[in-house]
Amino acid sequence: VTAPIHKEALHAAGSPYPGHTEMLQALAGQDGQPRPVRMMLANEELRT
């Protein structure tokens, strides 16, 4: 479970990733290839 990060701070630190999703995609990759992932936002009424 990830608490919020700030994309500008991540960039200022030299990270090549624009956000959590892309970083996790790379960390979960195999043989240097990022894993295909998608973002879902959900609550009790709607999922997208």
ModelCIF file with pLDDT and N, C-alpha, C, O atoms, coordinates in Angstrom:
data_MODEL
#
_entry.id   MODEL 
#
_entity.id                         1 
_entity.type                       polymer 
_entity.pdbx_number_of_molecules   1 
#
_entity_poly.entity_id                      1 
_entity_poly.type                           'polypeptide(L)' 
_entity_poly.nstd_linkage                   no 
_entity_poly.nstd_monomer                   no 
_entity_poly.pdbx_seq_one_letter_code       VTAPIHKEALHAAGSPYPGHTEMLQALAGQDGQPRPVRMMLANEELRT 
_entity_poly.pdbx_seq_one_letter_code_can   VTAPIHKEALHAAGSPYPGHTEMLQALAGQDGQPRPVRMMLANEELRT 
_entity_poly.pdbx_strand_id                 A 
#
loop_
_entity_poly_seq.entity_id 
_entity_poly_seq.num 
_entity_poly_seq.mon_id 
_entity_poly_seq.hetero 
1 1  VAL n 
1 2  THR n 
1 3  ALA n 
1 4  PRO n 
1 5  ILE n 
1 6  HIS n 
1 7  LYS n 
1 8  GLU n 
1 9  ALA n 
1 10 LEU n 
1 11 HIS n 
1 12 ALA n 
1 13 ALA n 
1 14 GLY n 
1 15 SER n 
1 16 PRO n 
1 17 TYR n 
1 18 PRO n 
1 19 GLY n 
1 20 HIS n 
1 21 THR n 
1 22 GLU n 
1 23 MET n 
1 24 LEU n 
1 25 GLN n 
1 26 ALA n 
1 27 LEU n 
1 28 ALA n 
1 29 GLY n 
1 30 GLN n 
1 31 ASP n 
1 32 GLY n 
1 33 GLN n 
1 34 PRO n 
1 35 ARG n 
1 36 PRO n 
1 37 VAL n 
1 38 ARG n 
1 39 MET n 
1 40 MET n 
1 41 LEU n 
1 42 ALA n 
1 43 ASN n 
1 44 GLU n 
1 45 GLU n 
1 46 LEU n 
1 47 ARG n 
1 48 THR n 
#
_struct_asym.id          A 
_struct_asym.entity_id   1 
#
loop_
_ma_qa_metric.id 
_ma_qa_metric.mode 
_ma_qa_metric.name 
_ma_qa_metric.software_group_id 
_ma_qa_metric.type 
1 global pLDDT . pLDDT 
2 local  pLDDT . pLDDT 
#
_ma_qa_metric_global.metric_id      1 
_ma_qa_metric_global.metric_value   87.90 
_ma_qa_metric_global.model_id       1 
_ma_qa_metric_global.ordinal_id     1 
#
loop_
_ma_qa_metric_local.label_asym_id 
_ma_qa_metric_local.label_comp_id 
_ma_qa_metric_local.label_seq_id 
_ma_qa_metric_local.metric_id 
_ma_qa_metric_local.metric_value 
_ma_qa_metric_local.model_id 
_ma_qa_metric_local.ordinal_id 
A VAL 1  2 97.00 1 1  
A THR 2  2 96.00 1 2  
A ALA 3  2 96.00 1 3  
A PRO 4  2 95.00 1 4  
A ILE 5  2 95.00 1 5  
A HIS 6  2 94.00 1 6  
A LYS 7  2 92.00 1 7  
A GLU 8  2 94.00 1 8  
A ALA 9  2 95.00 1 9  
A LEU 10 2 93.00 1 10 
A HIS 11 2 93.00 1 11 
A ALA 12 2 94.00 1 12 
A ALA 13 2 93.00 1 13 
A GLY 14 2 93.00 1 14 
A SER 15 2 91.00 1 15 
A PRO 16 2 89.00 1 16 
A TYR 17 2 86.00 1 17 
A PRO 18 2 80.00 1 18 
A GLY 19 2 81.00 1 19 
A HIS 20 2 85.00 1 20 
A THR 21 2 82.00 1 21 
A GLU 22 2 85.00 1 22 
A MET 23 2 88.00 1 23 
A LEU 24 2 89.00 1 24 
A GLN 25 2 85.00 1 25 
A ALA 26 2 86.00 1 26 
A LEU 27 2 88.00 1 27 
A ALA 28 2 85.00 1 28 
A GLY 29 2 75.00 1 29 
A GLN 30 2 71.00 1 30 
A ASP 31 2 68.00 1 31 
A GLY 32 2 69.00 1 32 
A GLN 33 2 76.00 1 33 
A PRO 34 2 77.00 1 34 
A ARG 35 2 82.00 1 35 
A PRO 36 2 88.00 1 36 
A VAL 37 2 90.00 1 37 
A ARG 38 2 93.00 1 38 
A MET 39 2 92.00 1 39 
A MET 40 2 94.00 1 40 
A LEU 41 2 92.00 1 41 
A ALA 42 2 89.00 1 42 
A ASN 43 2 86.00 1 43 
A GLU 44 2 84.00 1 44 
A GLU 45 2 90.00 1 45 
A LEU 46 2 93.00 1 46 
A ARG 47 2 94.00 1 47 
A THR 48 2 96.00 1 48 
#
loop_
_atom_site.group_PDB 
_atom_site.id 
_atom_site.type_symbol 
_atom_site.label_atom_id 
_atom_site.label_alt_id 
_atom_site.label_comp_id 
_atom_site.label_asym_id 
_atom_site.label_entity_id 
_atom_site.label_seq_id 
_atom_site.pdbx_PDB_ins_code 
_atom_site.Cartn_x 
_atom_site.Cartn_y 
_atom_site.Cartn_z 
_atom_site.occupancy 
_atom_site.B_iso_or_equiv 
_atom_site.pdbx_formal_charge 
_atom_site.auth_seq_id 
_atom_site.auth_comp_id 
_atom_site.auth_asym_id 
_atom_site.auth_atom_id 
_atom_site.pdbx_PDB_model_num 
ATOM 1   N N  . VAL A 1 1  ? 0.874   -1.170 0.000   1.00 97.00 ? 1  VAL A N  1 
ATOM 2   C CA . VAL A 1 1  ? 0.000   0.000  0.000   1.00 97.00 ? 1  VAL A CA 1 
ATOM 3   C C  . VAL A 1 1  ? 0.910   1.219  0.000   1.00 97.00 ? 1  VAL A C  1 
ATOM 4   O O  . VAL A 1 1  ? 1.746   1.369  0.892   1.00 97.00 ? 1  VAL A O  1 
ATOM 5   N N  . THR A 1 2  ? 0.758   2.085  -0.987  1.00 96.00 ? 2  THR A N  1 
ATOM 6   C CA . THR A 1 2  ? 1.680   3.213  -1.129  1.00 96.00 ? 2  THR A CA 1 
ATOM 7   C C  . THR A 1 2  ? 0.999   4.516  -0.738  1.00 96.00 ? 2  THR A C  1 
ATOM 8   O O  . THR A 1 2  ? -0.056  4.855  -1.272  1.00 96.00 ? 2  THR A O  1 
ATOM 9   N N  . ALA A 1 3  ? 1.602   5.244  0.194   1.00 96.00 ? 3  ALA A N  1 
ATOM 10  C CA . ALA A 1 3  ? 1.144   6.594  0.497   1.00 96.00 ? 3  ALA A CA 1 
ATOM 11  C C  . ALA A 1 3  ? 1.584   7.519  -0.637  1.00 96.00 ? 3  ALA A C  1 
ATOM 12  O O  . ALA A 1 3  ? 2.488   7.162  -1.393  1.00 96.00 ? 3  ALA A O  1 
ATOM 13  N N  . PRO A 1 4  ? 0.973   8.693  -0.778  1.00 95.00 ? 4  PRO A N  1 
ATOM 14  C CA . PRO A 1 4  ? 1.216   9.532  -1.968  1.00 95.00 ? 4  PRO A CA 1 
ATOM 15  C C  . PRO A 1 4  ? 2.656   10.036 -2.083  1.00 95.00 ? 4  PRO A C  1 
ATOM 16  O O  . PRO A 1 4  ? 3.299   10.384 -1.093  1.00 95.00 ? 4  PRO A O  1 
ATOM 17  N N  . ILE A 1 5  ? 3.135   10.060 -3.326  1.00 95.00 ? 5  ILE A N  1 
ATOM 18  C CA . ILE A 1 5  ? 4.428   10.666 -3.635  1.00 95.00 ? 5  ILE A CA 1 
ATOM 19  C C  . ILE A 1 5  ? 4.183   11.906 -4.489  1.00 95.00 ? 5  ILE A C  1 
ATOM 20  O O  . ILE A 1 5  ? 3.097   12.101 -5.034  1.00 95.00 ? 5  ILE A O  1 
ATOM 21  N N  . HIS A 1 6  ? 5.218   12.737 -4.590  1.00 94.00 ? 6  HIS A N  1 
ATOM 22  C CA . HIS A 1 6  ? 5.118   13.963 -5.393  1.00 94.00 ? 6  HIS A CA 1 
ATOM 23  C C  . HIS A 1 6  ? 6.008   13.805 -6.617  1.00 94.00 ? 6  HIS A C  1 
ATOM 24  O O  . HIS A 1 6  ? 7.208   13.561 -6.497  1.00 94.00 ? 6  HIS A O  1 
ATOM 25  N N  . LYS A 1 7  ? 5.414   13.946 -7.789  1.00 92.00 ? 7  LYS A N  1 
ATOM 26  C CA . LYS A 1 7  ? 6.144   13.672 -9.025  1.00 92.00 ? 7  LYS A CA 1 
ATOM 27  C C  . LYS A 1 7  ? 7.297   14.644 -9.242  1.00 92.00 ? 7  LYS A C  1 
ATOM 28  O O  . LYS A 1 7  ? 8.337   14.252 -9.772  1.00 92.00 ? 7  LYS A O  1 
ATOM 29  N N  . GLU A 1 8  ? 7.133   15.909 -8.842  1.00 94.00 ? 8  GLU A N  1 
ATOM 30  C CA . GLU A 1 8  ? 8.237   16.865 -8.991  1.00 94.00 ? 8  GLU A CA 1 
ATOM 31  C C  . GLU A 1 8  ? 9.400   16.495 -8.085  1.00 94.00 ? 8  GLU A C  1 
ATOM 32  O O  . GLU A 1 8  ? 10.558  16.600 -8.488  1.00 94.00 ? 8  GLU A O  1 
ATOM 33  N N  . ALA A 1 9  ? 9.105   16.066 -6.872  1.00 95.00 ? 9  ALA A N  1 
ATOM 34  C CA . ALA A 1 9  ? 10.172  15.657 -5.954  1.00 95.00 ? 9  ALA A CA 1 
ATOM 35  C C  . ALA A 1 9  ? 10.881  14.416 -6.470  1.00 95.00 ? 9  ALA A C  1 
ATOM 36  O O  . ALA A 1 9  ? 12.101  14.296 -6.356  1.00 95.00 ? 9  ALA A O  1 
ATOM 37  N N  . LEU A 1 10 ? 10.120  13.503 -7.034  1.00 93.00 ? 10 LEU A N  1 
ATOM 38  C CA . LEU A 1 10 ? 10.711  12.306 -7.620  1.00 93.00 ? 10 LEU A CA 1 
ATOM 39  C C  . LEU A 1 10 ? 11.650  12.696 -8.757  1.00 93.00 ? 10 LEU A C  1 
ATOM 40  O O  . LEU A 1 10 ? 12.759  12.172 -8.861  1.00 93.00 ? 10 LEU A O  1 
ATOM 41  N N  . HIS A 1 11 ? 11.203  13.613 -9.603  1.00 93.00 ? 11 HIS A N  1 
ATOM 42  C CA . HIS A 1 11 ? 12.032  14.084 -10.714 1.00 93.00 ? 11 HIS A CA 1 
ATOM 43  C C  . HIS A 1 11 ? 13.273  14.804 -10.201 1.00 93.00 ? 11 HIS A C  1 
ATOM 44  O O  . HIS A 1 11 ? 14.368  14.617 -10.732 1.00 93.00 ? 11 HIS A O  1 
ATOM 45  N N  . ALA A 1 12 ? 13.102  15.631 -9.162  1.00 94.00 ? 12 ALA A N  1 
ATOM 46  C CA . ALA A 1 12 ? 14.242  16.363 -8.604  1.00 94.00 ? 12 ALA A CA 1 
ATOM 47  C C  . ALA A 1 12 ? 15.294  15.421 -8.032  1.00 94.00 ? 12 ALA A C  1 
ATOM 48  O O  . ALA A 1 12 ? 16.480  15.751 -7.994  1.00 94.00 ? 12 ALA A O  1 
ATOM 49  N N  . ALA A 1 13 ? 14.855  14.249 -7.589  1.00 93.00 ? 13 ALA A N  1 
ATOM 50  C CA . ALA A 1 13 ? 15.786  13.262 -7.043  1.00 93.00 ? 13 ALA A CA 1 
ATOM 51  C C  . ALA A 1 13 ? 16.488  12.464 -8.129  1.00 93.00 ? 13 ALA A C  1 
ATOM 52  O O  . ALA A 1 13 ? 17.347  11.633 -7.834  1.00 93.00 ? 13 ALA A O  1 
ATOM 53  N N  . GLY A 1 14 ? 16.129  12.711 -9.385  1.00 93.00 ? 14 GLY A N  1 
ATOM 54  C CA . GLY A 1 14 ? 16.770  12.006 -10.491 1.00 93.00 ? 14 GLY A CA 1 
ATOM 55  C C  . GLY A 1 14 ? 16.091  10.712 -10.895 1.00 93.00 ? 14 GLY A C  1 
ATOM 56  O O  . GLY A 1 14 ? 16.652  9.934  -11.667 1.00 93.00 ? 14 GLY A O  1 
ATOM 57  N N  . SER A 1 15 ? 14.892  10.470 -10.383 1.00 91.00 ? 15 SER A N  1 
ATOM 58  C CA . SER A 1 15 ? 14.186  9.245  -10.757 1.00 91.00 ? 15 SER A CA 1 
ATOM 59  C C  . SER A 1 15 ? 13.702  9.345  -12.200 1.00 91.00 ? 15 SER A C  1 
ATOM 60  O O  . SER A 1 15 ? 13.202  10.396 -12.599 1.00 91.00 ? 15 SER A O  1 
ATOM 61  N N  . PRO A 1 16 ? 13.834  8.286  -12.990 1.00 89.00 ? 16 PRO A N  1 
ATOM 62  C CA . PRO A 1 16 ? 13.369  8.319  -14.377 1.00 89.00 ? 16 PRO A CA 1 
ATOM 63  C C  . PRO A 1 16 ? 11.875  8.048  -14.526 1.00 89.00 ? 16 PRO A C  1 
ATOM 64  O O  . PRO A 1 16 ? 11.355  8.042  -15.641 1.00 89.00 ? 16 PRO A O  1 
ATOM 65  N N  . TYR A 1 17 ? 11.181  7.823  -13.407 1.00 86.00 ? 17 TYR A N  1 
ATOM 66  C CA . TYR A 1 17 ? 9.784   7.409  -13.485 1.00 86.00 ? 17 TYR A CA 1 
ATOM 67  C C  . TYR A 1 17 ? 8.866   8.585  -13.154 1.00 86.00 ? 17 TYR A C  1 
ATOM 68  O O  . TYR A 1 17 ? 9.146   9.343  -12.226 1.00 86.00 ? 17 TYR A O  1 
ATOM 69  N N  . PRO A 1 18 ? 7.779   8.744  -13.899 1.00 80.00 ? 18 PRO A N  1 
ATOM 70  C CA . PRO A 1 18 ? 6.853   9.845  -13.625 1.00 80.00 ? 18 PRO A CA 1 
ATOM 71  C C  . PRO A 1 18 ? 5.914   9.588  -12.458 1.00 80.00 ? 18 PRO A C  1 
ATOM 72  O O  . PRO A 1 18 ? 5.242   10.514 -12.004 1.00 80.00 ? 18 PRO A O  1 
ATOM 73  N N  . GLY A 1 19 ? 5.847   8.353  -11.955 1.00 81.00 ? 19 GLY A N  1 
ATOM 74  C CA . GLY A 1 19 ? 4.943   8.063  -10.857 1.00 81.00 ? 19 GLY A CA 1 
ATOM 75  C C  . GLY A 1 19 ? 5.089   6.638  -10.365 1.00 81.00 ? 19 GLY A C  1 
ATOM 76  O O  . GLY A 1 19 ? 5.929   5.874  -10.840 1.00 81.00 ? 19 GLY A O  1 
ATOM 77  N N  . HIS A 1 20 ? 4.234   6.295  -9.383  1.00 85.00 ? 20 HIS A N  1 
ATOM 78  C CA . HIS A 1 20 ? 4.251   4.968  -8.790  1.00 85.00 ? 20 HIS A CA 1 
ATOM 79  C C  . HIS A 1 20 ? 4.092   3.865  -9.832  1.00 85.00 ? 20 HIS A C  1 
ATOM 80  O O  . HIS A 1 20 ? 4.856   2.901  -9.852  1.00 85.00 ? 20 HIS A O  1 
ATOM 81  N N  . THR A 1 21 ? 3.095   4.018  -10.692 1.00 82.00 ? 21 THR A N  1 
ATOM 82  C CA . THR A 1 21 ? 2.735   2.934  -11.608 1.00 82.00 ? 21 THR A CA 1 
ATOM 83  C C  . THR A 1 21 ? 3.906   2.540  -12.488 1.00 82.00 ? 21 THR A C  1 
ATOM 84  O O  . THR A 1 21 ? 4.207   1.357  -12.650 1.00 82.00 ? 21 THR A O  1 
ATOM 85  N N  . GLU A 1 22 ? 4.563   3.539  -13.054 1.00 85.00 ? 22 GLU A N  1 
ATOM 86  C CA . GLU A 1 22 ? 5.689   3.264  -13.950 1.00 85.00 ? 22 GLU A CA 1 
ATOM 87  C C  . GLU A 1 22 ? 6.880   2.666  -13.188 1.00 85.00 ? 22 GLU A C  1 
ATOM 88  O O  . GLU A 1 22 ? 7.579   1.799  -13.712 1.00 85.00 ? 22 GLU A O  1 
ATOM 89  N N  . MET A 1 23 ? 7.106   3.126  -11.964 1.00 88.00 ? 23 MET A N  1 
ATOM 90  C CA . MET A 1 23 ? 8.191   2.573  -11.159 1.00 88.00 ? 23 MET A CA 1 
ATOM 91  C C  . MET A 1 23 ? 7.926   1.107  -10.821 1.00 88.00 ? 23 MET A C  1 
ATOM 92  O O  . MET A 1 23 ? 8.814   0.263  -10.944 1.00 88.00 ? 23 MET A O  1 
ATOM 93  N N  . LEU A 1 24 ? 6.717   0.817  -10.403 1.00 89.00 ? 24 LEU A N  1 
ATOM 94  C CA . LEU A 1 24 ? 6.377   -0.556 -10.063 1.00 89.00 ? 24 LEU A CA 1 
ATOM 95  C C  . LEU A 1 24 ? 6.398   -1.454 -11.293 1.00 89.00 ? 24 LEU A C  1 
ATOM 96  O O  . LEU A 1 24 ? 6.775   -2.623 -11.209 1.00 89.00 ? 24 LEU A O  1 
ATOM 97  N N  . GLN A 1 25 ? 5.997   -0.908 -12.429 1.00 85.00 ? 25 GLN A N  1 
ATOM 98  C CA . GLN A 1 25 ? 6.050   -1.649 -13.686 1.00 85.00 ? 25 GLN A CA 1 
ATOM 99  C C  . GLN A 1 25 ? 7.474   -2.092 -13.975 1.00 85.00 ? 25 GLN A C  1 
ATOM 100 O O  . GLN A 1 25 ? 7.705   -3.230 -14.383 1.00 85.00 ? 25 GLN A O  1 
ATOM 101 N N  . ALA A 1 26 ? 8.436   -1.188 -13.763 1.00 86.00 ? 26 ALA A N  1 
ATOM 102 C CA . ALA A 1 26 ? 9.839   -1.519 -14.004 1.00 86.00 ? 26 ALA A CA 1 
ATOM 103 C C  . ALA A 1 26 ? 10.372  -2.499 -12.957 1.00 86.00 ? 26 ALA A C  1 
ATOM 104 O O  . ALA A 1 26 ? 11.084  -3.445 -13.294 1.00 86.00 ? 26 ALA A O  1 
ATOM 105 N N  . LEU A 1 27 ? 10.024  -2.272 -11.683 1.00 88.00 ? 27 LEU A N  1 
ATOM 106 C CA . LEU A 1 27 ? 10.517  -3.137 -10.618 1.00 88.00 ? 27 LEU A CA 1 
ATOM 107 C C  . LEU A 1 27 ? 9.990   -4.562 -10.743 1.00 88.00 ? 27 LEU A C  1 
ATOM 108 O O  . LEU A 1 27 ? 10.639  -5.513 -10.307 1.00 88.00 ? 27 LEU A O  1 
ATOM 109 N N  . ALA A 1 28 ? 8.807   -4.703 -11.343 1.00 85.00 ? 28 ALA A N  1 
ATOM 110 C CA . ALA A 1 28 ? 8.209   -6.022 -11.496 1.00 85.00 ? 28 ALA A CA 1 
ATOM 111 C C  . ALA A 1 28 ? 8.585   -6.686 -12.813 1.00 85.00 ? 28 ALA A C  1 
ATOM 112 O O  . ALA A 1 28 ? 8.157   -7.809 -13.083 1.00 85.00 ? 28 ALA A O  1 
ATOM 113 N N  . GLY A 1 29 ? 9.379   -6.007 -13.633 1.00 75.00 ? 29 GLY A N  1 
ATOM 114 C CA . GLY A 1 29 ? 9.732   -6.536 -14.941 1.00 75.00 ? 29 GLY A CA 1 
ATOM 115 C C  . GLY A 1 29 ? 10.673  -7.722 -14.866 1.00 75.00 ? 29 GLY A C  1 
ATOM 116 O O  . GLY A 1 29 ? 11.224  -8.042 -13.813 1.00 75.00 ? 29 GLY A O  1 
ATOM 117 N N  . GLN A 1 30 ? 10.841  -8.355 -15.991 1.00 71.00 ? 30 GLN A N  1 
ATOM 118 C CA . GLN A 1 30 ? 11.734  -9.499 -16.101 1.00 71.00 ? 30 GLN A CA 1 
ATOM 119 C C  . GLN A 1 30 ? 12.670  -9.302 -17.272 1.00 71.00 ? 30 GLN A C  1 
ATOM 120 O O  . GLN A 1 30 ? 12.259  -8.872 -18.350 1.00 71.00 ? 30 GLN A O  1 
ATOM 121 N N  . ASP A 1 31 ? 13.949  -9.625 -17.049 1.00 68.00 ? 31 ASP A N  1 
ATOM 122 C CA . ASP A 1 31 ? 14.971  -9.523 -18.095 1.00 68.00 ? 31 ASP A CA 1 
ATOM 123 C C  . ASP A 1 31 ? 15.022  -8.119 -18.698 1.00 68.00 ? 31 ASP A C  1 
ATOM 124 O O  . ASP A 1 31 ? 15.247  -7.955 -19.897 1.00 68.00 ? 31 ASP A O  1 
ATOM 125 N N  . GLY A 1 32 ? 14.810  -7.113 -17.851 1.00 69.00 ? 32 GLY A N  1 
ATOM 126 C CA . GLY A 1 32 ? 14.891  -5.737 -18.316 1.00 69.00 ? 32 GLY A CA 1 
ATOM 127 C C  . GLY A 1 32 ? 13.661  -5.231 -19.034 1.00 69.00 ? 32 GLY A C  1 
ATOM 128 O O  . GLY A 1 32 ? 13.626  -4.082 -19.476 1.00 69.00 ? 32 GLY A O  1 
ATOM 129 N N  . GLN A 1 33 ? 12.640  -6.084 -19.158 1.00 76.00 ? 33 GLN A N  1 
ATOM 130 C CA . GLN A 1 33 ? 11.424  -5.690 -19.858 1.00 76.00 ? 33 GLN A CA 1 
ATOM 131 C C  . GLN A 1 33 ? 10.341  -5.335 -18.839 1.00 76.00 ? 33 GLN A C  1 
ATOM 132 O O  . GLN A 1 33 ? 10.022  -6.153 -17.976 1.00 76.00 ? 33 GLN A O  1 
ATOM 133 N N  . PRO A 1 34 ? 9.763   -4.113 -18.923 1.00 77.00 ? 34 PRO A N  1 
ATOM 134 C CA . PRO A 1 34 ? 8.711   -3.748 -17.981 1.00 77.00 ? 34 PRO A CA 1 
ATOM 135 C C  . PRO A 1 34 ? 7.469   -4.598 -18.177 1.00 77.00 ? 34 PRO A C  1 
ATOM 136 O O  . PRO A 1 34 ? 7.160   -5.019 -19.292 1.00 77.00 ? 34 PRO A O  1 
ATOM 137 N N  . ARG A 1 35 ? 6.773   -4.842 -17.103 1.00 82.00 ? 35 ARG A N  1 
ATOM 138 C CA . ARG A 1 35 ? 5.571   -5.659 -17.136 1.00 82.00 ? 35 ARG A CA 1 
ATOM 139 C C  . ARG A 1 35 ? 4.391   -4.794 -17.557 1.00 82.00 ? 35 ARG A C  1 
ATOM 140 O O  . ARG A 1 35 ? 4.265   -3.671 -17.069 1.00 82.00 ? 35 ARG A O  1 
ATOM 141 N N  . PRO A 1 36 ? 3.521   -5.273 -18.446 1.00 88.00 ? 36 PRO A N  1 
ATOM 142 C CA . PRO A 1 36 ? 2.342   -4.476 -18.821 1.00 88.00 ? 36 PRO A CA 1 
ATOM 143 C C  . PRO A 1 36 ? 1.381   -4.367 -17.647 1.00 88.00 ? 36 PRO A C  1 
ATOM 144 O O  . PRO A 1 36 ? 0.897   -5.378 -17.137 1.00 88.00 ? 36 PRO A O  1 
ATOM 145 N N  . VAL A 1 37 ? 1.107   -3.150 -17.223 1.00 90.00 ? 37 VAL A N  1 
ATOM 146 C CA . VAL A 1 37 ? 0.207   -2.919 -16.103 1.00 90.00 ? 37 VAL A CA 1 
ATOM 147 C C  . VAL A 1 37 ? -0.799  -1.839 -16.485 1.00 90.00 ? 37 VAL A C  1 
ATOM 148 O O  . VAL A 1 37 ? -0.607  -1.109 -17.457 1.00 90.00 ? 37 VAL A O  1 
ATOM 149 N N  . ARG A 1 38 ? -1.865  -1.752 -15.711 1.00 93.00 ? 38 ARG A N  1 
ATOM 150 C CA . ARG A 1 38 ? -2.865  -0.719 -15.899 1.00 93.00 ? 38 ARG A CA 1 
ATOM 151 C C  . ARG A 1 38 ? -3.312  -0.204 -14.532 1.00 93.00 ? 38 ARG A C  1 
ATOM 152 O O  . ARG A 1 38 ? -3.170  -0.880 -13.513 1.00 93.00 ? 38 ARG A O  1 
ATOM 153 N N  . MET A 1 39 ? -3.846  0.992  -14.542 1.00 92.00 ? 39 MET A N  1 
ATOM 154 C CA . MET A 1 39 ? -4.317  1.647  -13.324 1.00 92.00 ? 39 MET A CA 1 
ATOM 155 C C  . MET A 1 39 ? -5.833  1.535  -13.229 1.00 92.00 ? 39 MET A C  1 
ATOM 156 O O  . MET A 1 39 ? -6.549  1.861  -14.176 1.00 92.00 ? 39 MET A O  1 
ATOM 157 N N  . MET A 1 40 ? -6.313  1.072  -12.079 1.00 94.00 ? 40 MET A N  1 
ATOM 158 C CA . MET A 1 40 ? -7.745  1.053  -11.811 1.00 94.00 ? 40 MET A CA 1 
ATOM 159 C C  . MET A 1 40 ? -8.033  1.926  -10.601 1.00 94.00 ? 40 MET A C  1 
ATOM 160 O O  . MET A 1 40 ? -7.356  1.820  -9.578  1.00 94.00 ? 40 MET A O  1 
ATOM 161 N N  . LEU A 1 41 ? -9.022  2.778  -10.713 1.00 92.00 ? 41 LEU A N  1 
ATOM 162 C CA . LEU A 1 41 ? -9.502  3.544  -9.572  1.00 92.00 ? 41 LEU A CA 1 
ATOM 163 C C  . LEU A 1 41 ? -10.899 3.042  -9.243  1.00 92.00 ? 41 LEU A C  1 
ATOM 164 O O  . LEU A 1 41 ? -11.748 2.913  -10.126 1.00 92.00 ? 41 LEU A O  1 
ATOM 165 N N  . ALA A 1 42 ? -11.130 2.761  -7.968  1.00 89.00 ? 42 ALA A N  1 
ATOM 166 C CA . ALA A 1 42 ? -12.390 2.125  -7.594  1.00 89.00 ? 42 ALA A CA 1 
ATOM 167 C C  . ALA A 1 42 ? -12.910 2.685  -6.280  1.00 89.00 ? 42 ALA A C  1 
ATOM 168 O O  . ALA A 1 42 ? -12.137 3.043  -5.391  1.00 89.00 ? 42 ALA A O  1 
ATOM 169 N N  . ASN A 1 43 ? -14.218 2.753  -6.171  1.00 86.00 ? 43 ASN A N  1 
ATOM 170 C CA . ASN A 1 43 ? -14.877 2.984  -4.897  1.00 86.00 ? 43 ASN A CA 1 
ATOM 171 C C  . ASN A 1 43 ? -16.114 2.082  -4.847  1.00 86.00 ? 43 ASN A C  1 
ATOM 172 O O  . ASN A 1 43 ? -16.244 1.175  -5.669  1.00 86.00 ? 43 ASN A O  1 
ATOM 173 N N  . GLU A 1 44 ? -17.005 2.314  -3.913  1.00 84.00 ? 44 GLU A N  1 
ATOM 174 C CA . GLU A 1 44 ? -18.160 1.432  -3.763  1.00 84.00 ? 44 GLU A CA 1 
ATOM 175 C C  . GLU A 1 44 ? -19.150 1.551  -4.918  1.00 84.00 ? 44 GLU A C  1 
ATOM 176 O O  . GLU A 1 44 ? -20.001 0.678  -5.089  1.00 84.00 ? 44 GLU A O  1 
ATOM 177 N N  . GLU A 1 45 ? -19.054 2.619  -5.715  1.00 90.00 ? 45 GLU A N  1 
ATOM 178 C CA . GLU A 1 45 ? -20.035 2.874  -6.759  1.00 90.00 ? 45 GLU A CA 1 
ATOM 179 C C  . GLU A 1 45 ? -19.521 2.675  -8.176  1.00 90.00 ? 45 GLU A C  1 
ATOM 180 O O  . GLU A 1 45 ? -20.313 2.458  -9.093  1.00 90.00 ? 45 GLU A O  1 
ATOM 181 N N  . LEU A 1 46 ? -18.208 2.746  -8.372  1.00 93.00 ? 46 LEU A N  1 
ATOM 182 C CA . LEU A 1 46 ? -17.689 2.794  -9.739  1.00 93.00 ? 46 LEU A CA 1 
ATOM 183 C C  . LEU A 1 46 ? -16.261 2.263  -9.778  1.00 93.00 ? 46 LEU A C  1 
ATOM 184 O O  . LEU A 1 46 ? -15.477 2.472  -8.853  1.00 93.00 ? 46 LEU A O  1 
ATOM 185 N N  . ARG A 1 47 ? -15.943 1.573  -10.869 1.00 94.00 ? 47 ARG A N  1 
ATOM 186 C CA . ARG A 1 47 ? -14.568 1.143  -11.152 1.00 94.00 ? 47 ARG A CA 1 
ATOM 187 C C  . ARG A 1 47 ? -14.212 1.596  -12.553 1.00 94.00 ? 47 ARG A C  1 
ATOM 188 O O  . ARG A 1 47 ? -15.014 1.481  -13.479 1.00 94.00 ? 47 ARG A O  1 
ATOM 189 N N  . THR A 1 48 ? -13.000 2.113  -12.700 1.00 96.00 ? 48 THR A N  1 
ATOM 190 C CA . THR A 1 48 ? -12.557 2.507  -14.033 1.00 96.00 ? 48 THR A CA 1 
ATOM 191 C C  . THR A 1 48 ? -11.099 2.109  -14.220 1.00 96.00 ? 48 THR A C  1 
ATOM 192 O O  . THR A 1 48 ? -10.524 2.350  -15.281 1.00 96.00 ? 48 THR A O  1 
#
